[in-house]
Amino acid sequence: MINISDSAFDKLKEMLNDQEIPDMFLRLGVQSGGCSGFSYAMGFDDEESEEDIFMNVKDMKVVVDKESLPLINGLEIDFEESGMSGGFTMNNPNASATCGCGSSFRTATDAGKPSAEGEC
C-alpha cells in the first residue's frame, strides 16, 4: 500500500492535469544507485507491463513494478512548500538508512553491503 498526503495528492493532480497525453498515471519504483543503495523513481507514464501492480490511491491510478513493491510497500509521499520552491518527501518504513537529502535509501536486508557509487 502506498499513502499520499492531501498536499502531495493536490500537487500530483495538478501536474497530471498539465500532461498532454491522456490516461497518464503515477509510476513509482526504485532503482539501484544513489549514495545509500536505492533511489526512488517517481514520474508519469501511460504504459503498463505484465510486471506492474496497479493501485488506486485517493482515486489516482498508481503503478509499481513487482520488484520495487517490497522495497516501498507502506511508502508515504508528502509535498511541502518551502519559500519559492517545494518538493516531495518520501517516508519509507522499509528504509533502515537514508541519505541526507532523502532521495536514496537502504533496507535492513542491504545492511553491510557496500553502497552504490553515486550522489544524492
PDB file of N, CA and C in Angstrom:
ATOM      1  N   MET A   1       0.839  -1.186   0.000  1.00  0.00           N
ATOM      2  CA  MET A   1       0.000   0.000   0.000  1.00  0.00           C
ATOM      3  C   MET A   1       0.880   1.244   0.000  1.00  0.00           C
ATOM      4  N   ILE A   2       0.515   2.202  -0.792  1.00  0.00           N
ATOM      5  CA  ILE A   2       1.202   3.487  -0.872  1.00  0.00           C
ATOM      6  C   ILE A   2       0.246   4.545  -0.321  1.00  0.00           C
ATOM      7  N   ASN A   3       0.768   5.459   0.486  1.00  0.00           N
ATOM      8  CA  ASN A   3      -0.046   6.536   1.053  1.00  0.00           C
ATOM      9  C   ASN A   3       0.429   7.866   0.471  1.00  0.00           C
ATOM     10  N   ILE A   4      -0.529   8.696   0.083  1.00  0.00           N
ATOM     11  CA  ILE A   4      -0.224  10.011  -0.479  1.00  0.00           C
ATOM     12  C   ILE A   4      -0.969  11.047   0.353  1.00  0.00           C
ATOM     13  N   SER A   5      -0.228  12.004   0.907  1.00  0.00           N
ATOM     14  CA  SER A   5      -0.858  13.048   1.719  1.00  0.00           C
ATOM     15  C   SER A   5      -1.756  13.917   0.833  1.00  0.00           C
ATOM     16  N   ASP A   6      -2.622  14.673   1.462  1.00  0.00           N
ATOM     17  CA  ASP A   6      -3.512  15.563   0.710  1.00  0.00           C
ATOM     18  C   ASP A   6      -2.719  16.583  -0.104  1.00  0.00           C
ATOM     19  N   SER A   7      -1.657  17.144   0.499  1.00  0.00           N
ATOM     20  CA  SER A   7      -0.874  18.150  -0.233  1.00  0.00           C
ATOM     21  C   SER A   7      -0.138  17.522  -1.414  1.00  0.00           C
ATOM     22  N   ALA A   8       0.383  16.314  -1.253  1.00  0.00           N
ATOM     23  CA  ALA A   8       1.054  15.633  -2.359  1.00  0.00           C
ATOM     24  C   ALA A   8       0.036  15.251  -3.428  1.00  0.00           C
ATOM     25  N   PHE A   9      -1.133  14.792  -3.013  1.00  0.00           N
ATOM     26  CA  PHE A   9      -2.183  14.434  -3.965  1.00  0.00           C
ATOM     27  C   PHE A   9      -2.574  15.640  -4.805  1.00  0.00           C
ATOM     28  N   ASP A  10      -2.794  16.788  -4.145  1.00  0.00           N
ATOM     29  CA  ASP A  10      -3.175  18.005  -4.865  1.00  0.00           C
ATOM     30  C   ASP A  10      -2.103  18.399  -5.883  1.00  0.00           C
ATOM     31  N   LYS A  11      -0.835  18.321  -5.481  1.00  0.00           N
ATOM     32  CA  LYS A  11       0.262  18.697  -6.386  1.00  0.00           C
ATOM     33  C   LYS A  11       0.356  17.708  -7.546  1.00  0.00           C
ATOM     34  N   LEU A  12       0.243  16.407  -7.258  1.00  0.00           N
ATOM     35  CA  LEU A  12       0.308  15.399  -8.321  1.00  0.00           C
ATOM     36  C   LEU A  12      -0.849  15.547  -9.293  1.00  0.00           C
ATOM     37  N   LYS A  13      -2.055  15.802  -8.788  1.00  0.00           N
ATOM     38  CA  LYS A  13      -3.216  16.005  -9.665  1.00  0.00           C
ATOM     39  C   LYS A  13      -2.995  17.212 -10.567  1.00  0.00           C
ATOM     40  N   GLU A  14      -2.450  18.278  -9.997  1.00  0.00           N
ATOM     41  CA  GLU A  14      -2.148  19.485 -10.771  1.00  0.00           C
ATOM     42  C   GLU A  14      -1.147  19.157 -11.880  1.00  0.00           C
ATOM     43  N   MET A  15      -0.117  18.404 -11.540  1.00  0.00           N
ATOM     44  CA  MET A  15       0.899  18.036 -12.525  1.00  0.00           C
ATOM     45  C   MET A  15       0.329  17.093 -13.580  1.00  0.00           C
ATOM     46  N   LEU A  16      -0.520  16.161 -13.170  1.00  0.00           N
ATOM     47  CA  LEU A  16      -1.148  15.250 -14.132  1.00  0.00           C
ATOM     48  C   LEU A  16      -2.042  16.004 -15.107  1.00  0.00           C
ATOM     49  N   ASN A  17      -2.762  17.008 -14.601  1.00  0.00           N
ATOM     50  CA  ASN A  17      -3.635  17.797 -15.461  1.00  0.00           C
ATOM     51  C   ASN A  17      -2.850  18.584 -16.506  1.00  0.00           C
ATOM     52  N   ASP A  18      -1.577  18.861 -16.239  1.00  0.00           N
ATOM     53  CA  ASP A  18      -0.728  19.588 -17.180  1.00  0.00           C
ATOM     54  C   ASP A  18      -0.158  18.685 -18.271  1.00  0.00           C
ATOM     55  N   GLN A  19      -0.312  17.377 -18.136  1.00  0.00           N
ATOM     56  CA  GLN A  19       0.224  16.440 -19.121  1.00  0.00           C
ATOM     57  C   GLN A  19      -0.628  16.490 -20.390  1.00  0.00           C
ATOM     58  N   GLU A  20       0.029  16.416 -21.538  1.00  0.00           N
ATOM     59  CA  GLU A  20      -0.685  16.479 -22.811  1.00  0.00           C
ATOM     60  C   GLU A  20      -1.174  15.117 -23.277  1.00  0.00           C
ATOM     61  N   ILE A  21      -0.664  14.047 -22.687  1.00  0.00           N
ATOM     62  CA  ILE A  21      -1.054  12.704 -23.087  1.00  0.00           C
ATOM     63  C   ILE A  21      -2.189  12.245 -22.172  1.00  0.00           C
ATOM     64  N   PRO A  22      -3.316  11.806 -22.742  1.00  0.00           N
ATOM     65  CA  PRO A  22      -4.417  11.340 -21.885  1.00  0.00           C
ATOM     66  C   PRO A  22      -4.067  10.020 -21.193  1.00  0.00           C
ATOM     67  N   ASP A  23      -4.779   9.742 -20.132  1.00  0.00           N
ATOM     68  CA  ASP A  23      -4.642   8.482 -19.395  1.00  0.00           C
ATOM     69  C   ASP A  23      -3.270   8.278 -18.753  1.00  0.00           C
ATOM     70  N   MET A  24      -2.612   9.363 -18.398  1.00  0.00           N
ATOM     71  CA  MET A  24      -1.345   9.249 -17.678  1.00  0.00           C
ATOM     72  C   MET A  24      -1.639   8.848 -16.235  1.00  0.00           C
ATOM     73  N   PHE A  25      -0.676   8.179 -15.615  1.00  0.00           N
ATOM     74  CA  PHE A  25      -0.809   7.761 -14.230  1.00  0.00           C
ATOM     75  C   PHE A  25       0.525   7.933 -13.538  1.00  0.00           C
ATOM     76  N   LEU A  26       0.511   7.809 -12.218  1.00  0.00           N
ATOM     77  CA  LEU A  26       1.727   7.939 -11.426  1.00  0.00           C
ATOM     78  C   LEU A  26       2.431   6.593 -11.376  1.00  0.00           C
ATOM     79  N   ARG A  27       3.704   6.582 -11.748  1.00  0.00           N
ATOM     80  CA  ARG A  27       4.532   5.372 -11.656  1.00  0.00           C
ATOM     81  C   ARG A  27       5.561   5.584 -10.556  1.00  0.00           C
ATOM     82  N   LEU A  28       5.617   4.627  -9.630  1.00  0.00           N
ATOM     83  CA  LEU A  28       6.594   4.649  -8.542  1.00  0.00           C
ATOM     84  C   LEU A  28       7.478   3.414  -8.647  1.00  0.00           C
ATOM     85  N   GLY A  29       8.709   3.543  -8.198  1.00  0.00           N
ATOM     86  CA  GLY A  29       9.613   2.407  -8.176  1.00  0.00           C
ATOM     87  C   GLY A  29      10.923   2.788  -7.530  1.00  0.00           C
ATOM     88  N   VAL A  30      11.853   1.877  -7.603  1.00  0.00           N
ATOM     89  CA  VAL A  30      13.201   2.132  -7.113  1.00  0.00           C
ATOM     90  C   VAL A  30      14.194   1.691  -8.172  1.00  0.00           C
ATOM     91  N   GLN A  31      15.357   2.293  -8.116  1.00  0.00           N
ATOM     92  CA  GLN A  31      16.463   1.945  -9.000  1.00  0.00           C
ATOM     93  C   GLN A  31      17.696   1.762  -8.140  1.00  0.00           C
ATOM     94  N   SER A  32      18.581   0.876  -8.549  1.00  0.00           N
ATOM     95  CA  SER A  32      19.861   0.750  -7.857  1.00  0.00           C
ATOM     96  C   SER A  32      20.644   2.023  -8.068  1.00  0.00           C
ATOM     97  N   GLY A  33      21.269   2.489  -7.018  1.00  0.00           N
ATOM     98  CA  GLY A  33      22.075   3.692  -7.134  1.00  0.00           C
ATOM     99  C   GLY A  33      21.769   4.672  -6.031  1.00  0.00           C
ATOM    100  N   GLY A  34      22.399   5.797  -6.088  1.00  0.00           N
ATOM    101  CA  GLY A  34      22.264   6.778  -5.018  1.00  0.00           C
ATOM    102  C   GLY A  34      23.287   6.490  -3.944  1.00  0.00           C
ATOM    103  N   CYS A  35      23.455   7.403  -3.038  1.00  0.00           N
ATOM    104  CA  CYS A  35      24.507   7.252  -2.044  1.00  0.00           C
ATOM    105  C   CYS A  35      24.157   6.241  -0.962  1.00  0.00           C
ATOM    106  N   SER A  36      22.881   5.796  -0.889  1.00  0.00           N
ATOM    107  CA  SER A  36      22.520   4.811   0.136  1.00  0.00           C
ATOM    108  C   SER A  36      22.175   3.439  -0.433  1.00  0.00           C
ATOM    109  N   GLY A  37      22.153   3.270  -1.737  1.00  0.00           N
ATOM    110  CA  GLY A  37      21.898   1.953  -2.323  1.00  0.00           C
ATOM    111  C   GLY A  37      20.772   1.920  -3.324  1.00  0.00           C
ATOM    112  N   PHE A  38      19.612   2.507  -2.986  1.00  0.00           N
ATOM    113  CA  PHE A  38      18.469   2.574  -3.884  1.00  0.00           C
ATOM    114  C   PHE A  38      18.025   4.022  -4.009  1.00  0.00           C
ATOM    115  N   SER A  39      17.557   4.394  -5.196  1.00  0.00           N
ATOM    116  CA  SER A  39      16.981   5.718  -5.411  1.00  0.00           C
ATOM    117  C   SER A  39      15.510   5.561  -5.763  1.00  0.00           C
ATOM    118  N   TYR A  40      14.713   6.501  -5.314  1.00  0.00           N
ATOM    119  CA  TYR A  40      13.289   6.492  -5.648  1.00  0.00           C
ATOM    120  C   TYR A  40      13.107   6.924  -7.097  1.00  0.00           C
ATOM    121  N   ALA A  41      12.138   6.318  -7.753  1.00  0.00           N
ATOM    122  CA  ALA A  41      11.746   6.722  -9.103  1.00  0.00           C
ATOM    123  C   ALA A  41      10.266   7.097  -9.037  1.00  0.00           C
ATOM    124  N   MET A  42       9.958   8.296  -9.479  1.00  0.00           N
ATOM    125  CA  MET A  42       8.576   8.757  -9.473  1.00  0.00           C
ATOM    126  C   MET A  42       8.372   9.611 -10.710  1.00  0.00           C
ATOM    127  N   GLY A  43       7.350   9.293 -11.479  1.00  0.00           N
ATOM    128  CA  GLY A  43       7.059  10.056 -12.681  1.00  0.00           C
ATOM    129  C   GLY A  43       5.713   9.652 -13.245  1.00  0.00           C
ATOM    130  N   PHE A  44       5.380  10.220 -14.370  1.00  0.00           N
ATOM    131  CA  PHE A  44       4.124   9.916 -15.031  1.00  0.00           C
ATOM    132  C   PHE A  44       4.383   9.002 -16.214  1.00  0.00           C
ATOM    133  N   ASP A  45       3.441   8.123 -16.475  1.00  0.00           N
ATOM    134  CA  ASP A  45       3.583   7.134 -17.545  1.00  0.00           C
ATOM    135  C   ASP A  45       2.212   6.874 -18.126  1.00  0.00           C
ATOM    136  N   ASP A  46       2.176   6.253 -19.289  1.00  0.00           N
ATOM    137  CA  ASP A  46       0.899   5.858 -19.882  1.00  0.00           C
ATOM    138  C   ASP A  46       0.940   4.420 -20.398  1.00  0.00           C
ATOM    139  N   GLU A  47       2.008   3.686 -20.033  1.00  0.00           N
ATOM    140  CA  GLU A  47       2.134   2.296 -20.462  1.00  0.00           C
ATOM    141  C   GLU A  47       2.380   1.401 -19.251  1.00  0.00           C
ATOM    142  N   GLU A  48       1.656   0.275 -19.226  1.00  0.00           N
ATOM    143  CA  GLU A  48       1.832  -0.722 -18.172  1.00  0.00           C
ATOM    144  C   GLU A  48       2.434  -1.977 -18.779  1.00  0.00           C
ATOM    145  N   SER A  49       3.047  -2.788 -17.926  1.00  0.00           N
ATOM    146  CA  SER A  49       3.581  -4.067 -18.381  1.00  0.00           C
ATOM    147  C   SER A  49       3.051  -5.172 -17.474  1.00  0.00           C
ATOM    148  N   GLU A  50       3.356  -6.405 -17.815  1.00  0.00           N
ATOM    149  CA  GLU A  50       2.937  -7.542 -17.002  1.00  0.00           C
ATOM    150  C   GLU A  50       3.633  -7.542 -15.642  1.00  0.00           C
ATOM    151  N   GLU A  51       4.712  -6.788 -15.504  1.00  0.00           N
ATOM    152  CA  GLU A  51       5.467  -6.725 -14.252  1.00  0.00           C
ATOM    153  C   GLU A  51       4.937  -5.654 -13.304  1.00  0.00           C
ATOM    154  N   ASP A  52       3.841  -4.993 -13.675  1.00  0.00           N
ATOM    155  CA  ASP A  52       3.310  -3.890 -12.883  1.00  0.00           C
ATOM    156  C   ASP A  52       2.154  -4.322 -11.988  1.00  0.00           C
ATOM    157  N   ILE A  53       2.056  -3.632 -10.868  1.00  0.00           N
ATOM    158  CA  ILE A  53       0.940  -3.804  -9.948  1.00  0.00           C
ATOM    159  C   ILE A  53       0.187  -2.476  -9.928  1.00  0.00           C
ATOM    160  N   PHE A  54      -1.113  -2.548 -10.102  1.00  0.00           N
ATOM    161  CA  PHE A  54      -1.970  -1.370 -10.141  1.00  0.00           C
ATOM    162  C   PHE A  54      -2.581  -1.121  -8.769  1.00  0.00           C
ATOM    163  N   MET A  55      -2.620   0.142  -8.349  1.00  0.00           N
ATOM    164  CA  MET A  55      -3.282   0.544  -7.109  1.00  0.00           C
ATOM    165  C   MET A  55      -4.120   1.777  -7.400  1.00  0.00           C
ATOM    166  N   ASN A  56      -5.147   1.951  -6.623  1.00  0.00           N
ATOM    167  CA  ASN A  56      -5.954   3.154  -6.685  1.00  0.00           C
ATOM    168  C   ASN A  56      -5.772   3.856  -5.342  1.00  0.00           C
ATOM    169  N   VAL A  57      -5.087   4.984  -5.370  1.00  0.00           N
ATOM    170  CA  VAL A  57      -4.817   5.745  -4.143  1.00  0.00           C
ATOM    171  C   VAL A  57      -5.525   7.084  -4.262  1.00  0.00           C
ATOM    172  N   LYS A  58      -6.545   7.291  -3.453  1.00  0.00           N
ATOM    173  CA  LYS A  58      -7.334   8.534  -3.483  1.00  0.00           C
ATOM    174  C   LYS A  58      -7.865   8.819  -4.888  1.00  0.00           C
ATOM    175  N   ASP A  59      -8.327   7.801  -5.568  1.00  0.00           N
ATOM    176  CA  ASP A  59      -8.841   7.919  -6.937  1.00  0.00           C
ATOM    177  C   ASP A  59      -7.757   8.319  -7.942  1.00  0.00           C
ATOM    178  N   MET A  60      -6.504   8.057  -7.616  1.00  0.00           N
ATOM    179  CA  MET A  60      -5.409   8.269  -8.557  1.00  0.00           C
ATOM    180  C   MET A  60      -4.813   6.903  -8.887  1.00  0.00           C
ATOM    181  N   LYS A  61      -4.630   6.658 -10.168  1.00  0.00           N
ATOM    182  CA  LYS A  61      -4.020   5.401 -10.590  1.00  0.00           C
ATOM    183  C   LYS A  61      -2.522   5.464 -10.300  1.00  0.00           C
ATOM    184  N   VAL A  62      -2.046   4.492  -9.525  1.00  0.00           N
ATOM    185  CA  VAL A  62      -0.629   4.392  -9.168  1.00  0.00           C
ATOM    186  C   VAL A  62      -0.155   3.006  -9.601  1.00  0.00           C
ATOM    187  N   VAL A  63       0.978   2.958 -10.275  1.00  0.00           N
ATOM    188  CA  VAL A  63       1.535   1.697 -10.767  1.00  0.00           C
ATOM    189  C   VAL A  63       2.944   1.534 -10.204  1.00  0.00           C
ATOM    190  N   VAL A  64       3.208   0.310  -9.691  1.00  0.00           N
ATOM    191  CA  VAL A  64       4.523  -0.026  -9.139  1.00  0.00           C
ATOM    192  C   VAL A  64       4.937  -1.357  -9.744  1.00  0.00           C
ATOM    193  N   ASP A  65       6.196  -1.470 -10.170  1.00  0.00           N
ATOM    194  CA  ASP A  65       6.653  -2.755 -10.696  1.00  0.00           C
ATOM    195  C   ASP A  65       6.824  -3.745  -9.545  1.00  0.00           C
ATOM    196  N   LYS A  66       6.673  -5.022  -9.853  1.00  0.00           N
ATOM    197  CA  LYS A  66       6.676  -6.080  -8.838  1.00  0.00           C
ATOM    198  C   LYS A  66       7.973  -6.139  -8.037  1.00  0.00           C
ATOM    199  N   GLU A  67       9.106  -5.822  -8.646  1.00  0.00           N
ATOM    200  CA  GLU A  67      10.382  -5.864  -7.926  1.00  0.00           C
ATOM    201  C   GLU A  67      10.514  -4.726  -6.921  1.00  0.00           C
ATOM    202  N   SER A  68       9.933  -3.572  -7.232  1.00  0.00           N
ATOM    203  CA  SER A  68      10.038  -2.410  -6.345  1.00  0.00           C
ATOM    204  C   SER A  68       9.073  -2.470  -5.175  1.00  0.00           C
ATOM    205  N   LEU A  69       7.932  -3.111  -5.356  1.00  0.00           N
ATOM    206  CA  LEU A  69       6.887  -3.057  -4.344  1.00  0.00           C
ATOM    207  C   LEU A  69       7.352  -3.458  -2.946  1.00  0.00           C
ATOM    208  N   PRO A  70       8.095  -4.560  -2.765  1.00  0.00           N
ATOM    209  CA  PRO A  70       8.519  -4.892  -1.395  1.00  0.00           C
ATOM    210  C   PRO A  70       9.408  -3.821  -0.760  1.00  0.00           C
ATOM    211  N   LEU A  71      10.110  -3.054  -1.580  1.00  0.00           N
ATOM    212  CA  LEU A  71      11.017  -2.026  -1.062  1.00  0.00           C
ATOM    213  C   LEU A  71      10.299  -0.735  -0.692  1.00  0.00           C
ATOM    214  N   ILE A  72       9.105  -0.523  -1.270  1.00  0.00           N
ATOM    215  CA  ILE A  72       8.385   0.730  -0.986  1.00  0.00           C
ATOM    216  C   ILE A  72       6.977   0.488  -0.451  1.00  0.00           C
ATOM    217  N   ASN A  73       6.639  -0.739  -0.112  1.00  0.00           N
ATOM    218  CA  ASN A  73       5.326  -1.013   0.453  1.00  0.00           C
ATOM    219  C   ASN A  73       5.179  -0.241   1.762  1.00  0.00           C
ATOM    220  N   GLY A  74       4.123   0.547   1.882  1.00  0.00           N
ATOM    221  CA  GLY A  74       3.922   1.392   3.059  1.00  0.00           C
ATOM    222  C   GLY A  74       4.484   2.794   2.899  1.00  0.00           C
ATOM    223  N   LEU A  75       5.059   3.095   1.741  1.00  0.00           N
ATOM    224  CA  LEU A  75       5.650   4.407   1.479  1.00  0.00           C
ATOM    225  C   LEU A  75       4.610   5.512   1.673  1.00  0.00           C
ATOM    226  N   GLU A  76       5.026   6.590   2.327  1.00  0.00           N
ATOM    227  CA  GLU A  76       4.191   7.772   2.493  1.00  0.00           C
ATOM    228  C   GLU A  76       4.824   8.909   1.713  1.00  0.00           C
ATOM    229  N   ILE A  77       4.062   9.466   0.781  1.00  0.00           N
ATOM    230  CA  ILE A  77       4.541  10.578  -0.040  1.00  0.00           C
ATOM    231  C   ILE A  77       3.862  11.851   0.442  1.00  0.00           C
ATOM    232  N   ASP A  78       4.665  12.882   0.675  1.00  0.00           N
ATOM    233  CA  ASP A  78       4.147  14.171   1.107  1.00  0.00           C
ATOM    234  C   ASP A  78       4.728  15.236   0.189  1.00  0.00           C
ATOM    235  N   PHE A  79       4.114  16.398   0.182  1.00  0.00           N
ATOM    236  CA  PHE A  79       4.639  17.535  -0.560  1.00  0.00           C
ATOM    237  C   PHE A  79       4.672  18.714   0.370  1.00  0.00           C
ATOM    238  N   GLU A  80       5.825  19.372   0.424  1.00  0.00           N
ATOM    239  CA  GLU A  80       5.990  20.514   1.309  1.00  0.00           C
ATOM    240  C   GLU A  80       6.416  21.729   0.507  1.00  0.00           C
ATOM    241  N   GLU A  81       5.696  22.811   0.676  1.00  0.00           N
ATOM    242  CA  GLU A  81       6.070  24.096   0.086  1.00  0.00           C
ATOM    243  C   GLU A  81       7.072  24.748   1.018  1.00  0.00           C
ATOM    244  N   SER A  82       8.143  25.277   0.453  1.00  0.00           N
ATOM    245  CA  SER A  82       9.110  25.984   1.284  1.00  0.00           C
ATOM    246  C   SER A  82       9.681  27.150   0.495  1.00  0.00           C
ATOM    247  N   GLY A  83       9.284  28.335   0.886  1.00  0.00           N
ATOM    248  CA  GLY A  83       9.777  29.519   0.191  1.00  0.00           C
ATOM    249  C   GLY A  83       9.309  29.540  -1.253  1.00  0.00           C
ATOM    250  N   MET A  84      10.249  29.689  -2.160  1.00  0.00           N
ATOM    251  CA  MET A  84       9.910  29.769  -3.581  1.00  0.00           C
ATOM    252  C   MET A  84       9.860  28.397  -4.240  1.00  0.00           C
ATOM    253  N   SER A  85      10.204  27.386  -3.497  1.00  0.00           N
ATOM    254  CA  SER A  85      10.198  26.054  -4.090  1.00  0.00           C
ATOM    255  C   SER A  85       9.443  25.101  -3.176  1.00  0.00           C
ATOM    256  N   GLY A  86       9.402  23.891  -3.546  1.00  0.00           N
ATOM    257  CA  GLY A  86       8.768  22.862  -2.752  1.00  0.00           C
ATOM    258  C   GLY A  86       9.250  21.530  -3.262  1.00  0.00           C
ATOM    259  N   GLY A  87       8.858  20.497  -2.588  1.00  0.00           N
ATOM    260  CA  GLY A  87       9.296  19.200  -3.058  1.00  0.00           C
ATOM    261  C   GLY A  87       8.560  18.065  -2.387  1.00  0.00           C
ATOM    262  N   PHE A  88       8.642  16.917  -3.027  1.00  0.00           N
ATOM    263  CA  PHE A  88       8.053  15.710  -2.492  1.00  0.00           C
ATOM    264  C   PHE A  88       9.015  15.090  -1.491  1.00  0.00           C
ATOM    265  N   THR A  89       8.464  14.551  -0.429  1.00  0.00           N
ATOM    266  CA  THR A  89       9.260  13.825   0.547  1.00  0.00           C
ATOM    267  C   THR A  89       8.732  12.399   0.626  1.00  0.00           C
ATOM    268  N   MET A  90       9.635  11.484   0.895  1.00  0.00           N
ATOM    269  CA  MET A  90       9.293  10.073   0.983  1.00  0.00           C
ATOM    270  C   MET A  90       9.593   9.578   2.397  1.00  0.00           C
ATOM    271  N   ASN A  91       8.606   8.974   3.026  1.00  0.00           N
ATOM    272  CA  ASN A  91       8.798   8.336   4.321  1.00  0.00           C
ATOM    273  C   ASN A  91       8.581   6.850   4.101  1.00  0.00           C
ATOM    274  N   ASN A  92       9.668   6.097   4.095  1.00  0.00           N
ATOM    275  CA  ASN A  92       9.635   4.685   3.745  1.00  0.00           C
ATOM    276  C   ASN A  92       9.887   3.832   4.993  1.00  0.00           C
ATOM    277  N   PRO A  93       8.881   3.080   5.448  1.00  0.00           N
ATOM    278  CA  PRO A  93       9.073   2.253   6.641  1.00  0.00           C
ATOM    279  C   PRO A  93      10.066   1.107   6.426  1.00  0.00           C
ATOM    280  N   ASN A  94      10.408   0.804   5.187  1.00  0.00           N
ATOM    281  CA  ASN A  94      11.350  -0.270   4.876  1.00  0.00           C
ATOM    282  C   ASN A  94      12.796   0.198   4.890  1.00  0.00           C
ATOM    283  N   ALA A  95      13.006   1.512   4.947  1.00  0.00           N
ATOM    284  CA  ALA A  95      14.359   2.062   4.904  1.00  0.00           C
ATOM    285  C   ALA A  95      15.012   1.973   6.272  1.00  0.00           C
ATOM    286  N   SER A  96      16.192   1.378   6.304  1.00  0.00           N
ATOM    287  CA  SER A  96      16.954   1.333   7.551  1.00  0.00           C
ATOM    288  C   SER A  96      17.953   2.484   7.602  1.00  0.00           C
ATOM    289  N   ALA A  97      18.257   3.059   6.456  1.00  0.00           N
ATOM    290  CA  ALA A  97      19.160   4.215   6.376  1.00  0.00           C
ATOM    291  C   ALA A  97      18.779   5.019   5.143  1.00  0.00           C
ATOM    292  N   THR A  98      18.896   6.333   5.245  1.00  0.00           N
ATOM    293  CA  THR A  98      18.635   7.207   4.103  1.00  0.00           C
ATOM    294  C   THR A  98      19.777   8.199   3.981  1.00  0.00           C
ATOM    295  N   CYS A  99      19.922   8.736   2.789  1.00  0.00           N
ATOM    296  CA  CYS A  99      20.960   9.754   2.613  1.00  0.00           C
ATOM    297  C   CYS A  99      20.444  11.082   3.162  1.00  0.00           C
ATOM    298  N   GLY A 100      21.306  12.041   3.273  1.00  0.00           N
ATOM    299  CA  GLY A 100      20.958  13.327   3.852  1.00  0.00           C
ATOM    300  C   GLY A 100      19.852  14.054   3.117  1.00  0.00           C
ATOM    301  N   CYS A 101      19.773  13.896   1.800  1.00  0.00           N
ATOM    302  CA  CYS A 101      18.745  14.612   1.040  1.00  0.00           C
ATOM    303  C   CYS A 101      17.457  13.810   0.923  1.00  0.00           C
ATOM    304  N   GLY A 102      17.456  12.553   1.368  1.00  0.00           N
ATOM    305  CA  GLY A 102      16.239  11.759   1.366  1.00  0.00           C
ATOM    306  C   GLY A 102      15.873  11.134   0.043  1.00  0.00           C
ATOM    307  N   SER A 103      16.745  11.227  -0.963  1.00  0.00           N
ATOM    308  CA  SER A 103      16.400  10.682  -2.279  1.00  0.00           C
ATOM    309  C   SER A 103      16.857   9.245  -2.475  1.00  0.00           C
ATOM    310  N   SER A 104      17.636   8.723  -1.544  1.00  0.00           N
ATOM    311  CA  SER A 104      18.041   7.324  -1.650  1.00  0.00           C
ATOM    312  C   SER A 104      17.981   6.670  -0.275  1.00  0.00           C
ATOM    313  N   PHE A 105      17.942   5.338  -0.273  1.00  0.00           N
ATOM    314  CA  PHE A 105      17.766   4.609   0.970  1.00  0.00           C
ATOM    315  C   PHE A 105      18.389   3.227   0.873  1.00  0.00           C
ATOM    316  N   ARG A 106      18.491   2.598   2.024  1.00  0.00           N
ATOM    317  CA  ARG A 106      18.963   1.221   2.135  1.00  0.00           C
ATOM    318  C   ARG A 106      17.985   0.493   3.042  1.00  0.00           C
ATOM    319  N   THR A 107      17.762  -0.794   2.785  1.00  0.00           N
ATOM    320  CA  THR A 107      16.886  -1.589   3.643  1.00  0.00           C
ATOM    321  C   THR A 107      17.736  -2.417   4.593  1.00  0.00           C
ATOM    322  N   ALA A 108      17.103  -3.008   5.600  1.00  0.00           N
ATOM    323  CA  ALA A 108      17.823  -3.824   6.572  1.00  0.00           C
ATOM    324  C   ALA A 108      18.489  -5.012   5.896  1.00  0.00           C
ATOM    325  N   THR A 109      17.896  -5.548   4.836  1.00  0.00           N
ATOM    326  CA  THR A 109      18.490  -6.691   4.137  1.00  0.00           C
ATOM    327  C   THR A 109      19.721  -6.292   3.345  1.00  0.00           C
ATOM    328  N   ASP A 110      19.899  -4.985   3.121  1.00  0.00           N
ATOM    329  CA  ASP A 110      21.075  -4.492   2.402  1.00  0.00           C
ATOM    330  C   ASP A 110      22.174  -4.031   3.350  1.00  0.00           C
ATOM    331  N   ALA A 111      21.921  -4.046   4.649  1.00  0.00           N
ATOM    332  CA  ALA A 111      22.927  -3.589   5.615  1.00  0.00           C
ATOM    333  C   ALA A 111      24.185  -4.412   5.465  1.00  0.00           C
ATOM    334  N   GLY A 112      25.292  -3.754   5.487  1.00  0.00           N
ATOM    335  CA  GLY A 112      26.577  -4.437   5.346  1.00  0.00           C
ATOM    336  C   GLY A 112      27.053  -4.525   3.903  1.00  0.00           C
ATOM    337  N   LYS A 113      26.160  -4.319   2.950  1.00  0.00           N
ATOM    338  CA  LYS A 113      26.573  -4.303   1.557  1.00  0.00           C
ATOM    339  C   LYS A 113      27.134  -2.942   1.241  1.00  0.00           C
ATOM    340  N   PRO A 114      28.116  -2.863   0.374  1.00  0.00           N
ATOM    341  CA  PRO A 114      28.662  -1.554   0.036  1.00  0.00           C
ATOM    342  C   PRO A 114      27.640  -0.720  -0.708  1.00  0.00           C
ATOM    343  N   SER A 115      27.623   0.566  -0.455  1.00  0.00           N
ATOM    344  CA  SER A 115      26.726   1.472  -1.148  1.00  0.00           C
ATOM    345  C   SER A 115      27.152   1.604  -2.592  1.00  0.00           C
ATOM    346  N   ALA A 116      26.157   1.851  -3.430  1.00  0.00           N
ATOM    347  CA  ALA A 116      26.453   2.086  -4.850  1.00  0.00           C
ATOM    348  C   ALA A 116      27.112   3.451  -4.964  1.00  0.00           C
ATOM    349  N   GLU A 117      27.971   3.561  -5.935  1.00  0.00           N
ATOM    350  CA  GLU A 117      28.599   4.852  -6.188  1.00  0.00           C
ATOM    351  C   GLU A 117      27.547   5.800  -6.738  1.00  0.00           C
ATOM    352  N   GLY A 118      27.581   7.009  -6.330  1.00  0.00           N
ATOM    353  CA  GLY A 118      26.638   7.981  -6.858  1.00  0.00           C
ATOM    354  C   GLY A 118      26.449   9.105  -5.880  1.00  0.00           C
ATOM    355  N   GLU A 119      25.652  10.050  -6.311  1.00  0.00           N
ATOM    356  CA  GLU A 119      25.370  11.209  -5.482  1.00  0.00           C
ATOM    357  C   GLU A 119      23.894  11.270  -5.190  1.00  0.00           C
ATOM    358  N   CYS A 120      23.556  12.002  -4.164  1.00  0.00           N
ATOM    359  CA  CYS A 120      22.148  12.199  -3.831  1.00  0.00           C
ATOM    360  C   CYS A 120      21.486  13.067  -4.869  1.00  0.00           C
TER     361      CYS A 120
END
